[in-house]
């Protein structure tokens, strides 16, 4: 009996190992400036309704009340800081920042939000692709509704196909709930993912801890998972190491406006070190060229 149980346990363990998920992309929005309502990092904000937004009585923050799609919201940095209750909770799920879409004040011709949060382009794996994120209605008196959409061609509104069903989803009240979606219809493709706030005269939709994972990676994602860059965030130098015996031949660092701010060549080295002390604080893309191929890692400069 013990042997049978042990064999069963080993087989079960093998199943869990075989289906382990690898993170392709994740963002908890901590690296972006408080209360920024313009595009941040590689994320796009699209405000279709253009309505002025609701704010808080006696509480102020940059861009409060202005038309916006989403905003990098930090409830601890408002003036004064927001106090959470059982029915009003504007905090992030992790860290101090979340993406929040505030309700637009309705007009005779525009009664609902039409606000988009669009991800960077994400290269999916060949199998087991999953999207997960956490959403909540920040005020329990106003339940928010939203759609989730995918595009394989671009970030125009007409490029997207809804994957969340015909009826908008409802966000949990004053506490985060997880939402997951199977992305295997797009396996092996490069996609954009959008969250569209379609609430009508509500208050605030909060999104945090956005993640895409896969069971089996594509070629580029497999290579990316073999490289490690550290420390990240970095102040002075970024080290590059790998578990693929790849020989690094060059590194270029690109800012969020697409400009190459640093480029270094190497004569086929297994490990490399890049001085980033001269870069301005912020997020960058590090393109690593090697004899195994080229991959990109996201880094943050303190």
Protein backbone atom coordinates (compact mmCIF):
# COMPACT_ATOMS: atom_id res chain seq x y z
CA UNK A 1 0.00 0.00 0.00
CA UNK A 2 2.74 2.47 0.88
CA UNK A 3 4.50 1.80 -2.41
CA UNK A 4 1.29 2.37 -4.37
CA UNK A 5 0.72 5.63 -2.54
CA UNK A 6 4.30 6.73 -3.17
CA UNK A 7 4.02 5.95 -6.88
CA UNK A 8 0.75 7.87 -7.07
CA UNK A 9 2.34 10.82 -5.30
CA UNK A 10 5.29 10.79 -7.67
CA UNK A 11 3.01 10.67 -10.70
CA UNK A 12 0.96 13.52 -9.31
CA UNK A 13 4.12 15.53 -8.71
CA UNK A 14 5.19 14.92 -12.30
CA UNK A 15 1.85 16.24 -13.52
CA UNK A 16 2.24 19.41 -11.48
CA UNK A 17 5.79 19.92 -12.73
CA UNK A 18 4.77 19.38 -16.34
CA UNK A 19 2.03 22.00 -16.10
CA UNK A 20 4.07 24.63 -14.25
CA UNK A 21 3.46 28.11 -15.59
CA UNK A 22 6.24 30.47 -16.63
CA UNK A 23 5.62 34.20 -16.47
CA UNK A 24 5.87 35.91 -19.86
CA UNK A 25 4.82 39.38 -18.72
CA UNK A 26 3.74 40.96 -15.45
CA UNK A 27 3.25 44.45 -14.07
CA UNK A 28 1.98 45.70 -10.73
CA UNK A 29 2.45 49.32 -11.84
CA UNK A 30 4.84 50.29 -9.05
CA UNK A 31 7.49 51.85 -11.33
CA UNK A 32 5.27 54.59 -12.78
CA UNK A 33 4.88 58.14 -11.50
CA UNK A 34 1.99 58.81 -9.12
CA UNK A 35 -1.15 60.18 -10.79
CA UNK A 36 0.22 60.02 -14.34
CA UNK A 37 -2.71 59.84 -16.77
CA UNK A 38 -0.69 59.84 -20.01
CA UNK A 39 0.74 56.64 -21.50
CA UNK A 40 3.18 55.08 -19.03
CA UNK A 41 5.96 52.66 -19.85
CA UNK A 42 4.65 50.61 -22.78
CA UNK A 43 1.03 50.89 -21.64
CA UNK A 44 -1.46 52.98 -23.62
CA UNK A 45 -4.40 54.91 -22.15
CA UNK A 46 -7.26 55.74 -24.53
CA UNK A 47 -10.02 58.06 -23.32
CA UNK A 48 -12.85 57.72 -25.83
CA UNK A 49 -15.62 59.35 -23.78
CA UNK A 50 -13.54 62.49 -22.87
CA UNK A 51 -15.76 63.17 -19.86
CA UNK A 52 -14.58 65.13 -16.80
CA UNK A 53 -14.20 62.67 -13.92
CA UNK A 54 -15.46 62.46 -10.36
CA UNK A 55 -13.07 63.07 -7.46
CA UNK A 56 -13.25 63.17 -3.66
CA UNK A 57 -14.64 65.85 -1.38
CA UNK A 58 -11.78 67.20 0.75
CA UNK A 59 -9.12 65.03 -0.92
CA UNK A 60 -6.93 66.21 -3.80
CA UNK A 61 -4.42 64.66 -6.17
CA UNK A 62 -2.78 65.62 -9.45
CA UNK A 63 -5.19 65.36 -12.42
CA UNK A 64 -8.23 64.98 -10.16
CA UNK A 65 -11.47 65.78 -12.00
CA UNK A 66 -9.89 65.98 -15.44
CA UNK A 67 -10.85 63.81 -18.43
CA UNK A 68 -8.79 60.61 -18.39
CA UNK A 69 -8.94 56.92 -19.26
CA UNK A 70 -6.83 55.44 -16.45
CA UNK A 71 -4.46 56.96 -13.90
CA UNK A 72 -1.56 55.54 -11.87
CA UNK A 73 -3.33 55.89 -8.54
CA UNK A 74 -1.60 55.93 -5.15
CA UNK A 75 -4.09 56.27 -2.32
CA UNK A 76 -1.29 56.92 0.17
CA UNK A 77 -0.06 59.97 -1.79
CA UNK A 78 -3.32 61.95 -2.04
CA UNK A 79 -3.74 65.06 0.12
CA UNK A 80 -4.65 63.95 2.71
CA UNK A 81 -4.07 60.19 2.22
CA UNK A 82 -7.28 58.26 1.68
CA UNK A 83 -8.53 56.21 4.61
CA UNK A 84 -9.97 52.81 3.74
CA UNK A 85 -13.20 51.45 5.14
CA UNK A 86 -15.14 48.24 4.57
CA UNK A 87 -17.11 49.93 1.80
CA UNK A 88 -14.55 52.36 0.35
CA UNK A 89 -11.12 50.98 -0.48
CA UNK A 90 -8.88 52.72 -3.03
CA UNK A 91 -5.65 50.91 -2.10
CA UNK A 92 -3.51 48.84 -4.46
CA UNK A 93 -3.57 45.07 -4.10
CA UNK A 94 0.25 44.94 -3.83
CA UNK A 95 2.59 47.84 -3.28
CA UNK A 96 1.08 51.31 -3.28
CA UNK A 97 -0.09 51.81 -6.88
CA UNK A 98 -2.86 50.47 -9.09
CA UNK A 99 -4.42 51.53 -12.39
CA UNK A 100 -7.73 53.28 -11.70
CA UNK A 101 -10.38 54.46 -14.13
CA UNK A 102 -12.55 57.16 -12.55
CA UNK A 103 -16.16 57.57 -13.57
CA UNK A 104 -16.95 60.28 -16.07
CA UNK A 105 -19.68 62.78 -15.25
CA UNK A 106 -22.52 61.95 -17.68
CA UNK A 107 -23.82 64.39 -20.25
CA UNK A 108 -26.95 64.31 -22.38
CA UNK A 109 -25.02 62.63 -25.20
CA UNK A 110 -22.44 60.56 -23.27
CA UNK A 111 -23.72 58.62 -20.28
CA UNK A 112 -21.06 55.93 -19.76
CA UNK A 113 -17.31 55.53 -19.59
CA UNK A 114 -15.43 54.26 -22.62
CA UNK A 115 -11.90 54.08 -21.26
CA UNK A 116 -9.14 51.72 -22.36
CA UNK A 117 -6.01 50.36 -20.67
CA UNK A 118 -3.90 48.65 -23.36
CA UNK A 119 -0.93 46.44 -22.57
CA UNK A 120 2.44 46.39 -24.29
CA UNK A 121 2.80 43.87 -27.10
CA UNK A 122 3.19 40.41 -25.54
CA UNK A 123 4.67 37.36 -27.28
CA UNK A 124 2.67 34.31 -26.23
CA UNK A 125 4.08 30.83 -25.73
CA UNK A 126 3.10 27.82 -27.78
CA UNK A 127 0.82 26.29 -25.14
CA UNK A 128 -0.95 26.96 -21.85
CA UNK A 129 -1.21 30.75 -22.21
CA UNK A 130 -3.18 32.43 -19.42
CA UNK A 131 -4.04 36.02 -18.51
CA UNK A 132 -4.74 36.99 -14.92
CA UNK A 133 -5.35 40.30 -13.20
CA UNK A 134 -7.20 41.61 -10.16
CA UNK A 135 -10.04 44.12 -10.31
CA UNK A 136 -12.36 45.84 -7.86
CA UNK A 137 -15.02 48.49 -7.59
CA UNK A 138 -13.21 50.85 -5.23
CA UNK A 139 -16.47 52.03 -3.67
CA UNK A 140 -19.00 49.33 -2.74
CA UNK A 141 -21.89 51.64 -3.59
CA UNK A 142 -20.95 51.70 -7.27
CA UNK A 143 -20.31 48.38 -9.03
CA UNK A 144 -18.04 48.78 -12.05
CA UNK A 145 -18.34 46.90 -15.34
CA UNK A 146 -15.63 46.19 -17.90
CA UNK A 147 -14.63 44.18 -20.96
CA UNK A 148 -11.42 42.33 -21.79
CA UNK A 149 -10.23 42.34 -25.40
CA UNK A 150 -7.29 41.09 -27.51
CA UNK A 151 -5.68 42.41 -30.69
CA UNK A 152 -3.09 40.73 -32.89
CA UNK A 153 -2.66 43.67 -35.27
CA UNK A 154 -2.43 46.97 -33.38
CA UNK A 155 -3.86 49.23 -30.71
CA UNK A 156 -6.69 50.94 -32.60
CA UNK A 157 -10.09 50.27 -31.07
CA UNK A 158 -11.25 48.41 -34.17
CA UNK A 159 -8.34 45.97 -33.92
CA UNK A 160 -9.65 44.35 -30.73
CA UNK A 161 -11.86 41.29 -30.22
CA UNK A 162 -13.73 40.80 -26.96
CA UNK A 163 -12.75 37.64 -25.03
CA UNK A 164 -14.77 38.28 -21.87
CA UNK A 165 -18.19 37.46 -23.29
CA UNK A 166 -21.11 39.45 -24.64
CA UNK A 167 -22.05 40.90 -21.25
CA UNK A 168 -19.56 43.15 -19.43
CA UNK A 169 -17.93 41.68 -16.34
CA UNK A 170 -18.72 43.04 -12.89
CA UNK A 171 -15.89 43.96 -10.53
CA UNK A 172 -16.02 42.84 -6.90
CA UNK A 173 -17.10 45.45 -4.34
CA UNK A 174 -14.34 47.21 -2.32
CA UNK A 175 -12.09 44.14 -2.46
CA UNK A 176 -10.01 42.70 -5.29
CA UNK A 177 -11.22 39.67 -7.23
CA UNK A 178 -9.07 37.71 -9.68
CA UNK A 179 -10.05 37.39 -13.34
CA UNK A 180 -8.41 34.75 -15.56
CA UNK A 181 -8.65 34.07 -19.29
CA UNK A 182 -7.34 31.32 -21.56
CA UNK A 183 -5.26 32.87 -24.36
CA UNK A 184 -4.43 29.70 -26.29
CA UNK A 185 -6.55 30.85 -29.25
CA UNK A 186 -3.62 33.22 -29.82
CA UNK A 187 -0.79 30.80 -28.96
CA UNK A 188 2.52 31.71 -30.56
CA UNK A 189 1.31 35.15 -31.62
CA UNK A 190 2.14 38.68 -30.51
CA UNK A 191 -0.88 40.32 -28.91
CA UNK A 192 -2.12 43.40 -27.13
CA UNK A 193 -4.58 43.03 -24.25
CA UNK A 194 -7.10 45.74 -23.36
CA UNK A 195 -9.30 46.33 -20.33
CA UNK A 196 -12.20 48.62 -21.24
CA UNK A 197 -14.19 50.39 -18.52
CA UNK A 198 -17.81 50.67 -19.67
CA UNK A 199 -19.40 51.64 -16.34
CA UNK A 200 -22.21 54.22 -16.39
CA UNK A 201 -22.03 56.94 -13.71
CA UNK A 202 -20.21 54.80 -11.13
CA UNK A 203 -16.99 55.85 -9.30
CA UNK A 204 -13.70 53.97 -9.72
CA UNK A 205 -12.50 50.74 -11.35
CA UNK A 206 -9.13 49.56 -9.98
CA UNK A 207 -6.82 47.08 -11.78
CA UNK A 208 -3.66 45.55 -10.30
CA UNK A 209 -1.18 42.66 -10.64
CA UNK A 210 -1.54 42.03 -14.38
CA UNK A 211 0.19 38.83 -15.52
CA UNK A 212 0.48 36.58 -18.59
CA UNK A 213 1.91 33.07 -18.21
CA UNK A 214 2.43 30.01 -20.41
CA UNK A 215 3.13 26.31 -19.92
CA UNK A 216 5.32 26.01 -23.01
CA UNK A 217 7.30 29.00 -24.18
CA UNK A 218 8.08 29.98 -27.74
CA UNK A 219 11.70 30.26 -28.89
CA UNK A 220 12.14 33.91 -27.93
CA UNK A 221 10.44 33.47 -24.57
CA UNK A 222 12.53 30.40 -23.78
CA UNK A 223 15.70 32.37 -24.43
CA UNK A 224 14.42 35.30 -22.36
CA UNK A 225 13.76 32.99 -19.40
CA UNK A 226 17.36 31.76 -19.53
CA UNK A 227 18.84 35.24 -19.12
CA UNK A 228 18.85 37.02 -15.78
CA UNK A 229 19.58 40.70 -15.20
CA UNK A 230 20.40 41.94 -11.71
CA UNK A 231 20.06 43.99 -9.64
CA UNK A 232 16.76 45.20 -11.01
CA UNK A 233 15.99 47.99 -10.16
CA UNK A 234 19.61 49.12 -10.51
CA UNK A 235 21.52 52.23 -9.48
CA UNK A 236 24.99 51.85 -10.98
CA UNK A 237 25.43 48.60 -12.92
CA UNK A 238 23.28 45.80 -14.36
CA UNK A 239 24.78 42.32 -14.55
CA UNK A 240 23.74 39.86 -17.26
CA UNK A 241 24.06 36.11 -16.73
CA UNK A 242 22.48 33.10 -18.41
CA UNK A 243 21.82 29.41 -18.00
CA UNK A 244 21.96 28.67 -21.72
CA UNK A 245 25.73 28.92 -22.26
CA UNK A 246 24.89 31.77 -24.61
CA UNK A 247 27.66 34.16 -25.58
CA UNK A 248 26.61 37.80 -25.37
CA UNK A 249 27.72 39.86 -28.36
CA UNK A 250 25.98 43.15 -27.70
CA UNK A 251 23.56 45.05 -25.49
CA UNK A 252 21.43 48.07 -26.34
CA UNK A 253 19.22 49.97 -23.93
CA UNK A 254 16.12 51.71 -25.27
CA UNK A 255 13.95 54.22 -23.41
CA UNK A 256 10.15 54.21 -23.44
CA UNK A 257 10.14 56.66 -26.36
CA UNK A 258 12.01 54.15 -28.51
CA UNK A 259 15.36 55.96 -28.39
CA UNK A 260 18.55 53.96 -27.95
CA UNK A 261 20.34 55.56 -24.99
CA UNK A 262 23.24 53.12 -24.63
CA UNK A 263 24.88 50.49 -26.82
CA UNK A 264 27.76 48.18 -25.85
CA UNK A 265 29.50 45.46 -27.92
CA UNK A 266 31.08 42.30 -26.48
CA UNK A 267 33.35 39.66 -27.96
CA UNK A 268 31.14 36.69 -27.07
CA UNK A 269 31.07 36.64 -23.25
CA UNK A 270 29.04 34.40 -20.96
CA UNK A 271 28.48 37.22 -18.45
CA UNK A 272 28.36 40.95 -18.99
CA UNK A 273 28.09 44.10 -16.92
CA UNK A 274 26.50 47.37 -18.10
CA UNK A 275 27.07 50.73 -16.40
CA UNK A 276 23.72 52.52 -16.11
CA UNK A 277 24.75 55.23 -13.64
CA UNK A 278 24.50 57.88 -16.37
CA UNK A 279 20.89 57.04 -17.27
CA UNK A 280 17.93 58.99 -15.96
CA UNK A 281 15.65 57.22 -13.51
CA UNK A 282 12.90 55.24 -15.17
CA UNK A 283 12.05 52.10 -17.11
CA UNK A 284 14.05 50.83 -20.09
CA UNK A 285 14.16 47.87 -22.46
CA UNK A 286 17.49 46.01 -22.58
CA UNK A 287 18.04 44.17 -25.88
CA UNK A 288 20.55 41.35 -25.43
CA UNK A 289 22.15 39.89 -28.59
CA UNK A 290 23.85 36.50 -28.31
CA UNK A 291 24.92 33.54 -30.42
CA UNK A 292 21.62 31.87 -29.41
CA UNK A 293 19.47 34.76 -30.60
CA UNK A 294 18.23 38.12 -29.35
CA UNK A 295 15.93 38.76 -26.44
CA UNK A 296 14.61 41.72 -24.46
CA UNK A 297 14.44 42.29 -20.71
CA UNK A 298 12.75 45.16 -18.90
CA UNK A 299 14.95 47.04 -16.40
CA UNK A 300 14.36 49.90 -14.00
CA UNK A 301 16.99 52.55 -13.21
CA UNK A 302 16.68 54.08 -9.72
